[in-house]
Amino acid sequence: MTVAALLPEVDATYRALAIGAHADDVEIGAAGTLGRLLEERPGLTVDLVVLTGDATRRREAGASAATLLGGRGGTIGTRLLDLRDGFLPTQGARAKEEIERLKDGGPYDLIVCPGLRDAHQDHRLVAELVWQTFRSIPILEYEIPKYEGMTEPANLFVALSREACERKIRHIVAAFPSQADRDWFDEETFWAALRLRGVECASPTGYAEAFVCRKLRI
């Protein structure tokens, strides 16, 4: 099964909305899947939205978006906001307004966002707002490694080649140097997540990204 099966079977351009609370969320959770979508639907447009970040984090997010597609076709647009990292629930009204505004950029065929049951308050609020705002679009909730662990079993897996994993991990480590002092932010963590999810879904490549898909209308 191709990952593009998540998109409508029509001869048309496609749009995906990728939302993160923080500058590296989308890349950690879904970069490999976005890469596969681009390979299978070369005309895909990805709108990347990051809600929080200081000037350094916004620069990193912008630079990451500029190279995320790696010359594989498709286009990417960015919206980088400056809400306070770690305090997103206290800024819920503005976050709600910004996510509501995203409807003007659609229509979208697919959304990737953090998980509704993610332990991080910023991630969780973004997911809640996405679900409140978009009613009829497939939403895939990605996961991000954290001290609190993964709080919900995944039910949708996207197999990735080892080469795709290497490309993803190199990109993350190079694109977000401000995070290098965090003891979880390293290649071993990202490899471990991809390998464990690959084992869980019996990926033929041995590696996978994992998501929660609560509704899928076909």
C-alpha atoms as a PDB file:
ATOM      1  CA  MET A   1       0.000   0.000   0.000  1.00  0.00           C
ATOM      2  CA  THR A   2       1.287   3.449  -0.872  1.00  0.00           C
ATOM      3  CA  VAL A   3       1.182   6.280   1.628  1.00  0.00           C
ATOM      4  CA  ALA A   4      -0.441   8.361  -1.097  1.00  0.00           C
ATOM      5  CA  ALA A   5      -3.547   6.221  -0.569  1.00  0.00           C
ATOM      6  CA  LEU A   6      -4.278   8.674   2.239  1.00  0.00           C
ATOM      7  CA  LEU A   7      -4.874  11.319  -0.438  1.00  0.00           C
ATOM      8  CA  PRO A   8      -7.858  11.468  -2.820  1.00  0.00           C
ATOM      9  CA  GLU A   9      -7.547   9.427  -6.006  1.00  0.00           C
ATOM     10  CA  VAL A  10      -7.905  12.344  -8.372  1.00  0.00           C
ATOM     11  CA  ASP A  11      -5.759  13.878 -11.068  1.00  0.00           C
ATOM     12  CA  ALA A  12      -5.044  17.104  -9.255  1.00  0.00           C
ATOM     13  CA  THR A  13      -2.627  18.963  -7.062  1.00  0.00           C
ATOM     14  CA  TYR A  14      -2.546  18.060  -3.385  1.00  0.00           C
ATOM     15  CA  ARG A  15      -2.096  20.116  -0.234  1.00  0.00           C
ATOM     16  CA  ALA A  16      -0.968  18.928   3.168  1.00  0.00           C
ATOM     17  CA  LEU A  17      -0.930  20.974   6.375  1.00  0.00           C
ATOM     18  CA  ALA A  18       1.872  20.159   8.811  1.00  0.00           C
ATOM     19  CA  ILE A  19       1.519  21.851  12.203  1.00  0.00           C
ATOM     20  CA  GLY A  20       3.987  21.914  15.071  1.00  0.00           C
ATOM     21  CA  ALA A  21       3.992  23.660  18.411  1.00  0.00           C
ATOM     22  CA  HIS A  22       7.791  23.968  18.186  1.00  0.00           C
ATOM     23  CA  ALA A  23      10.323  24.414  15.427  1.00  0.00           C
ATOM     24  CA  ASP A  24      11.390  20.764  15.160  1.00  0.00           C
ATOM     25  CA  ASP A  25       8.107  18.971  15.904  1.00  0.00           C
ATOM     26  CA  VAL A  26       7.034  18.235  12.341  1.00  0.00           C
ATOM     27  CA  GLU A  27      10.499  17.102  11.289  1.00  0.00           C
ATOM     28  CA  ILE A  28      10.854  14.719  14.241  1.00  0.00           C
ATOM     29  CA  GLY A  29       7.353  13.330  13.928  1.00  0.00           C
ATOM     30  CA  ALA A  30       6.619  13.236  10.227  1.00  0.00           C
ATOM     31  CA  ALA A  31       9.545  14.205   7.967  1.00  0.00           C
ATOM     32  CA  GLY A  32       9.849  10.692   6.562  1.00  0.00           C
ATOM     33  CA  THR A  33       6.150  10.444   5.804  1.00  0.00           C
ATOM     34  CA  LEU A  34       6.127  13.836   4.099  1.00  0.00           C
ATOM     35  CA  GLY A  35       9.077  12.625   2.029  1.00  0.00           C
ATOM     36  CA  ARG A  36       7.191   9.520   0.931  1.00  0.00           C
ATOM     37  CA  LEU A  37       4.151  11.603   0.047  1.00  0.00           C
ATOM     38  CA  LEU A  38       6.331  13.811  -2.135  1.00  0.00           C
ATOM     39  CA  GLU A  39       7.771  10.806  -3.926  1.00  0.00           C
ATOM     40  CA  GLU A  40       4.323   9.404  -4.648  1.00  0.00           C
ATOM     41  CA  ARG A  41       2.552  12.718  -5.303  1.00  0.00           C
ATOM     42  CA  PRO A  42       5.272  14.985  -6.780  1.00  0.00           C
ATOM     43  CA  GLY A  43       2.950  17.975  -7.038  1.00  0.00           C
ATOM     44  CA  LEU A  44       2.246  18.046  -3.320  1.00  0.00           C
ATOM     45  CA  THR A  45       2.264  21.398  -1.556  1.00  0.00           C
ATOM     46  CA  VAL A  46       3.053  21.343   2.162  1.00  0.00           C
ATOM     47  CA  ASP A  47       2.070  24.267   4.369  1.00  0.00           C
ATOM     48  CA  LEU A  48       4.308  24.142   7.457  1.00  0.00           C
ATOM     49  CA  VAL A  49       3.090  26.052  10.510  1.00  0.00           C
ATOM     50  CA  VAL A  50       5.027  26.505  13.766  1.00  0.00           C
ATOM     51  CA  LEU A  51       3.232  28.283  16.597  1.00  0.00           C
ATOM     52  CA  THR A  52       5.989  29.069  19.127  1.00  0.00           C
ATOM     53  CA  GLY A  53       9.578  30.197  19.076  1.00  0.00           C
ATOM     54  CA  ASP A  54      12.026  32.986  19.723  1.00  0.00           C
ATOM     55  CA  ALA A  55      14.082  34.538  16.927  1.00  0.00           C
ATOM     56  CA  THR A  56      16.624  31.696  16.956  1.00  0.00           C
ATOM     57  CA  ARG A  57      14.001  28.971  16.773  1.00  0.00           C
ATOM     58  CA  ARG A  58      12.112  30.756  14.001  1.00  0.00           C
ATOM     59  CA  ARG A  59      15.320  31.072  11.970  1.00  0.00           C
ATOM     60  CA  GLU A  60      15.943  27.354  12.407  1.00  0.00           C
ATOM     61  CA  ALA A  61      12.375  26.518  11.389  1.00  0.00           C
ATOM     62  CA  GLY A  62      12.623  28.648   8.270  1.00  0.00           C
ATOM     63  CA  ALA A  63      15.963  27.170   7.256  1.00  0.00           C
ATOM     64  CA  SER A  64      14.680  23.659   7.897  1.00  0.00           C
ATOM     65  CA  ALA A  65      11.618  24.217   5.723  1.00  0.00           C
ATOM     66  CA  ALA A  66      13.791  25.534   2.901  1.00  0.00           C
ATOM     67  CA  THR A  67      15.731  22.255   2.720  1.00  0.00           C
ATOM     68  CA  LEU A  68      13.194  19.741   4.039  1.00  0.00           C
ATOM     69  CA  LEU A  69      12.060  18.563   0.622  1.00  0.00           C
ATOM     70  CA  GLY A  70      15.650  17.920  -0.428  1.00  0.00           C
ATOM     71  CA  GLY A  71      15.060  18.630  -4.105  1.00  0.00           C
ATOM     72  CA  ARG A  72      12.410  15.903  -4.373  1.00  0.00           C
ATOM     73  CA  GLY A  73       9.787  18.102  -5.982  1.00  0.00           C
ATOM     74  CA  GLY A  74       6.760  19.685  -4.423  1.00  0.00           C
ATOM     75  CA  THR A  75       6.630  23.020  -2.689  1.00  0.00           C
ATOM     76  CA  ILE A  76       6.573  24.140   0.906  1.00  0.00           C
ATOM     77  CA  GLY A  77       5.260  27.308   2.479  1.00  0.00           C
ATOM     78  CA  THR A  78       5.858  28.403   6.053  1.00  0.00           C
ATOM     79  CA  ARG A  79       4.050  30.361   8.737  1.00  0.00           C
ATOM     80  CA  LEU A  80       6.235  30.900  11.780  1.00  0.00           C
ATOM     81  CA  LEU A  81       4.594  32.449  14.823  1.00  0.00           C
ATOM     82  CA  ASP A  82       6.174  33.848  17.983  1.00  0.00           C
ATOM     83  CA  LEU A  83       4.002  32.508  20.804  1.00  0.00           C
ATOM     84  CA  ARG A  84       5.887  31.619  23.973  1.00  0.00           C
ATOM     85  CA  ASP A  85       7.379  28.130  24.032  1.00  0.00           C
ATOM     86  CA  GLY A  86       6.113  26.070  26.968  1.00  0.00           C
ATOM     87  CA  PHE A  87       3.237  28.423  27.755  1.00  0.00           C
ATOM     88  CA  LEU A  88       0.938  27.846  24.800  1.00  0.00           C
ATOM     89  CA  PRO A  89      -2.168  27.073  26.915  1.00  0.00           C
ATOM     90  CA  THR A  90      -1.948  30.587  28.384  1.00  0.00           C
ATOM     91  CA  GLN A  91      -2.087  31.971  24.836  1.00  0.00           C
ATOM     92  CA  GLY A  92      -4.962  29.794  23.710  1.00  0.00           C
ATOM     93  CA  ALA A  93      -7.081  32.570  22.223  1.00  0.00           C
ATOM     94  CA  ARG A  94      -4.388  33.678  19.805  1.00  0.00           C
ATOM     95  CA  ALA A  95      -3.433  30.085  18.990  1.00  0.00           C
ATOM     96  CA  LYS A  96      -7.091  29.373  18.190  1.00  0.00           C
ATOM     97  CA  GLU A  97      -7.293  32.434  15.934  1.00  0.00           C
ATOM     98  CA  GLU A  98      -4.143  31.432  14.053  1.00  0.00           C
ATOM     99  CA  ILE A  99      -5.291  27.870  13.446  1.00  0.00           C
ATOM    100  CA  GLU A 100      -8.749  29.039  12.364  1.00  0.00           C
ATOM    101  CA  ARG A 101      -7.007  31.328   9.890  1.00  0.00           C
ATOM    102  CA  LEU A 102      -5.341  28.321   8.278  1.00  0.00           C
ATOM    103  CA  LYS A 103      -8.648  27.298   6.761  1.00  0.00           C
ATOM    104  CA  ASP A 104      -8.186  30.172   4.307  1.00  0.00           C
ATOM    105  CA  GLY A 105      -5.102  28.439   2.897  1.00  0.00           C
ATOM    106  CA  GLY A 106      -6.871  25.215   2.025  1.00  0.00           C
ATOM    107  CA  PRO A 107      -8.621  23.133   1.086  1.00  0.00           C
ATOM    108  CA  TYR A 108      -6.277  20.505   2.509  1.00  0.00           C
ATOM    109  CA  ASP A 109      -6.165  16.811   1.719  1.00  0.00           C
ATOM    110  CA  LEU A 110      -4.214  15.746   4.820  1.00  0.00           C
ATOM    111  CA  ILE A 111      -3.108  17.211   8.156  1.00  0.00           C
ATOM    112  CA  VAL A 112      -0.264  16.068  10.395  1.00  0.00           C
ATOM    113  CA  CYS A 113      -0.128  17.439  13.933  1.00  0.00           C
ATOM    114  CA  PRO A 114       0.897  16.450  17.490  1.00  0.00           C
ATOM    115  CA  GLY A 115      -1.146  13.967  19.522  1.00  0.00           C
ATOM    116  CA  LEU A 116      -4.285  14.691  21.515  1.00  0.00           C
ATOM    117  CA  ARG A 117      -2.832  12.739  24.444  1.00  0.00           C
ATOM    118  CA  ASP A 118       0.725  14.004  24.196  1.00  0.00           C
ATOM    119  CA  ALA A 119       2.164  14.749  27.640  1.00  0.00           C
ATOM    120  CA  HIS A 120       3.523  18.142  26.549  1.00  0.00           C
ATOM    121  CA  GLN A 121       0.967  20.881  27.102  1.00  0.00           C
ATOM    122  CA  ASP A 122       1.913  22.788  23.936  1.00  0.00           C
ATOM    123  CA  HIS A 123       1.596  19.697  21.741  1.00  0.00           C
ATOM    124  CA  ARG A 124      -1.707  18.750  23.306  1.00  0.00           C
ATOM    125  CA  LEU A 125      -3.275  22.185  22.817  1.00  0.00           C
ATOM    126  CA  VAL A 126      -2.268  22.289  19.153  1.00  0.00           C
ATOM    127  CA  ALA A 127      -3.895  18.902  18.594  1.00  0.00           C
ATOM    128  CA  GLU A 128      -7.084  19.984  20.359  1.00  0.00           C
ATOM    129  CA  LEU A 129      -7.328  23.126  18.231  1.00  0.00           C
ATOM    130  CA  VAL A 130      -6.704  21.211  15.023  1.00  0.00           C
ATOM    131  CA  TRP A 131      -9.508  18.776  15.827  1.00  0.00           C
ATOM    132  CA  GLN A 132     -11.845  21.643  16.714  1.00  0.00           C
ATOM    133  CA  THR A 133     -11.086  23.446  13.461  1.00  0.00           C
ATOM    134  CA  PHE A 134     -10.903  20.746  10.768  1.00  0.00           C
ATOM    135  CA  ARG A 135     -13.847  18.344  10.655  1.00  0.00           C
ATOM    136  CA  SER A 136     -13.606  16.388   7.410  1.00  0.00           C
ATOM    137  CA  ILE A 137      -9.892  16.105   6.635  1.00  0.00           C
ATOM    138  CA  PRO A 138      -7.769  13.060   7.545  1.00  0.00           C
ATOM    139  CA  ILE A 139      -5.636  13.971  10.572  1.00  0.00           C
ATOM    140  CA  LEU A 140      -2.532  11.998  11.485  1.00  0.00           C
ATOM    141  CA  GLU A 141      -1.170  12.644  14.976  1.00  0.00           C
ATOM    142  CA  TYR A 142       2.597  12.187  15.070  1.00  0.00           C
ATOM    143  CA  GLU A 143       4.741  11.382  18.091  1.00  0.00           C
ATOM    144  CA  ILE A 144       7.797  13.018  19.615  1.00  0.00           C
ATOM    145  CA  PRO A 145      10.157  11.243  22.058  1.00  0.00           C
ATOM    146  CA  LYS A 146      10.024  12.703  25.558  1.00  0.00           C
ATOM    147  CA  TYR A 147      10.784  11.927  29.195  1.00  0.00           C
ATOM    148  CA  GLU A 148       7.138  11.116  29.877  1.00  0.00           C
ATOM    149  CA  GLY A 149       7.145   8.460  27.163  1.00  0.00           C
ATOM    150  CA  MET A 150       4.648   7.806  24.396  1.00  0.00           C
ATOM    151  CA  THR A 151       1.210   7.978  25.967  1.00  0.00           C
ATOM    152  CA  GLU A 152      -0.925   6.321  23.294  1.00  0.00           C
ATOM    153  CA  PRO A 153      -0.478   3.261  21.066  1.00  0.00           C
ATOM    154  CA  ALA A 154      -0.068   4.072  17.397  1.00  0.00           C
ATOM    155  CA  ASN A 155      -2.443   2.583  14.838  1.00  0.00           C
ATOM    156  CA  LEU A 156      -1.007   3.817  11.547  1.00  0.00           C
ATOM    157  CA  PHE A 157       2.564   3.163  10.455  1.00  0.00           C
ATOM    158  CA  VAL A 158       4.536   4.448   7.473  1.00  0.00           C
ATOM    159  CA  ALA A 159       7.454   2.239   6.517  1.00  0.00           C
ATOM    160  CA  LEU A 160      10.646   4.113   5.646  1.00  0.00           C
ATOM    161  CA  SER A 161      13.773   2.911   3.914  1.00  0.00           C
ATOM    162  CA  ARG A 162      17.046   3.117   5.799  1.00  0.00           C
ATOM    163  CA  GLU A 163      18.141   5.800   3.338  1.00  0.00           C
ATOM    164  CA  ALA A 164      15.036   7.854   4.124  1.00  0.00           C
ATOM    165  CA  CYS A 165      15.737   7.501   7.849  1.00  0.00           C
ATOM    166  CA  GLU A 166      19.330   8.610   7.372  1.00  0.00           C
ATOM    167  CA  ARG A 167      18.146  11.632   5.379  1.00  0.00           C
ATOM    168  CA  LYS A 168      15.591  12.529   8.047  1.00  0.00           C
ATOM    169  CA  ILE A 169      18.008  12.233  10.960  1.00  0.00           C
ATOM    170  CA  ARG A 170      20.796  14.156   9.223  1.00  0.00           C
ATOM    171  CA  HIS A 171      18.326  16.911   8.477  1.00  0.00           C
ATOM    172  CA  ILE A 172      17.024  17.199  12.044  1.00  0.00           C
ATOM    173  CA  VAL A 173      20.457  17.262  13.667  1.00  0.00           C
ATOM    174  CA  ALA A 174      21.797  19.826  11.180  1.00  0.00           C
ATOM    175  CA  ALA A 175      18.712  22.039  11.134  1.00  0.00           C
ATOM    176  CA  PHE A 176      18.230  22.539  14.878  1.00  0.00           C
ATOM    177  CA  PRO A 177      21.620  23.160  16.525  1.00  0.00           C
ATOM    178  CA  SER A 178      19.997  25.092  19.387  1.00  0.00           C
ATOM    179  CA  GLN A 179      18.661  21.763  20.679  1.00  0.00           C
ATOM    180  CA  ALA A 180      21.987  19.919  20.687  1.00  0.00           C
ATOM    181  CA  ASP A 181      22.480  20.352  24.453  1.00  0.00           C
ATOM    182  CA  ARG A 182      19.292  18.409  25.244  1.00  0.00           C
ATOM    183  CA  ASP A 183      20.306  14.906  26.248  1.00  0.00           C
ATOM    184  CA  TRP A 184      17.495  13.269  24.269  1.00  0.00           C
ATOM    185  CA  PHE A 185      18.140  15.200  21.067  1.00  0.00           C
ATOM    186  CA  ASP A 186      20.586  12.992  19.199  1.00  0.00           C
ATOM    187  CA  GLU A 187      20.816  10.495  16.387  1.00  0.00           C
ATOM    188  CA  GLU A 188      20.482   7.476  18.683  1.00  0.00           C
ATOM    189  CA  THR A 189      17.098   8.638  19.968  1.00  0.00           C
ATOM    190  CA  PHE A 190      15.728   9.176  16.480  1.00  0.00           C
ATOM    191  CA  TRP A 191      17.096   5.862  15.197  1.00  0.00           C
ATOM    192  CA  ALA A 192      15.619   4.054  18.206  1.00  0.00           C
ATOM    193  CA  ALA A 193      12.141   5.480  17.627  1.00  0.00           C
ATOM    194  CA  LEU A 194      12.187   4.566  13.946  1.00  0.00           C
ATOM    195  CA  ARG A 195      13.500   1.056  14.600  1.00  0.00           C
ATOM    196  CA  LEU A 196      11.074   0.257  17.425  1.00  0.00           C
ATOM    197  CA  ARG A 197       8.113   1.408  15.374  1.00  0.00           C
ATOM    198  CA  GLY A 198       9.439  -0.648  12.484  1.00  0.00           C
ATOM    199  CA  VAL A 199       9.488  -3.726  14.696  1.00  0.00           C
ATOM    200  CA  GLU A 200       5.995  -2.986  15.971  1.00  0.00           C
ATOM    201  CA  CYS A 201       4.461  -2.900  12.488  1.00  0.00           C
ATOM    202  CA  ALA A 202       6.714  -5.602  10.956  1.00  0.00           C
ATOM    203  CA  SER A 203       8.019  -3.047   8.468  1.00  0.00           C
ATOM    204  CA  PRO A 204       9.752  -4.771   5.536  1.00  0.00           C
ATOM    205  CA  THR A 205      12.528  -2.195   5.826  1.00  0.00           C
ATOM    206  CA  GLY A 206      12.830  -2.457   9.610  1.00  0.00           C
ATOM    207  CA  TYR A 207      11.920   1.213  10.152  1.00  0.00           C
ATOM    208  CA  ALA A 208       8.738   3.261  10.361  1.00  0.00           C
ATOM    209  CA  GLU A 209       7.133   6.455  11.593  1.00  0.00           C
ATOM    210  CA  ALA A 210       4.009   6.002  13.691  1.00  0.00           C
ATOM    211  CA  PHE A 211       0.776   7.966  13.993  1.00  0.00           C
ATOM    212  CA  VAL A 212      -2.628   7.892  15.615  1.00  0.00           C
ATOM    213  CA  CYS A 213      -5.430   8.128  13.061  1.00  0.00           C
ATOM    214  CA  ARG A 214      -8.744   8.510  14.884  1.00  0.00           C
ATOM    215  CA  LYS A 215     -10.991   8.835  11.849  1.00  0.00           C
ATOM    216  CA  LEU A 216     -10.510   7.965   8.190  1.00  0.00           C
ATOM    217  CA  ARG A 217     -13.350   8.438   5.731  1.00  0.00           C
ATOM    218  CA  ILE A 218     -13.026   6.724   2.367  1.00  0.00           C
END
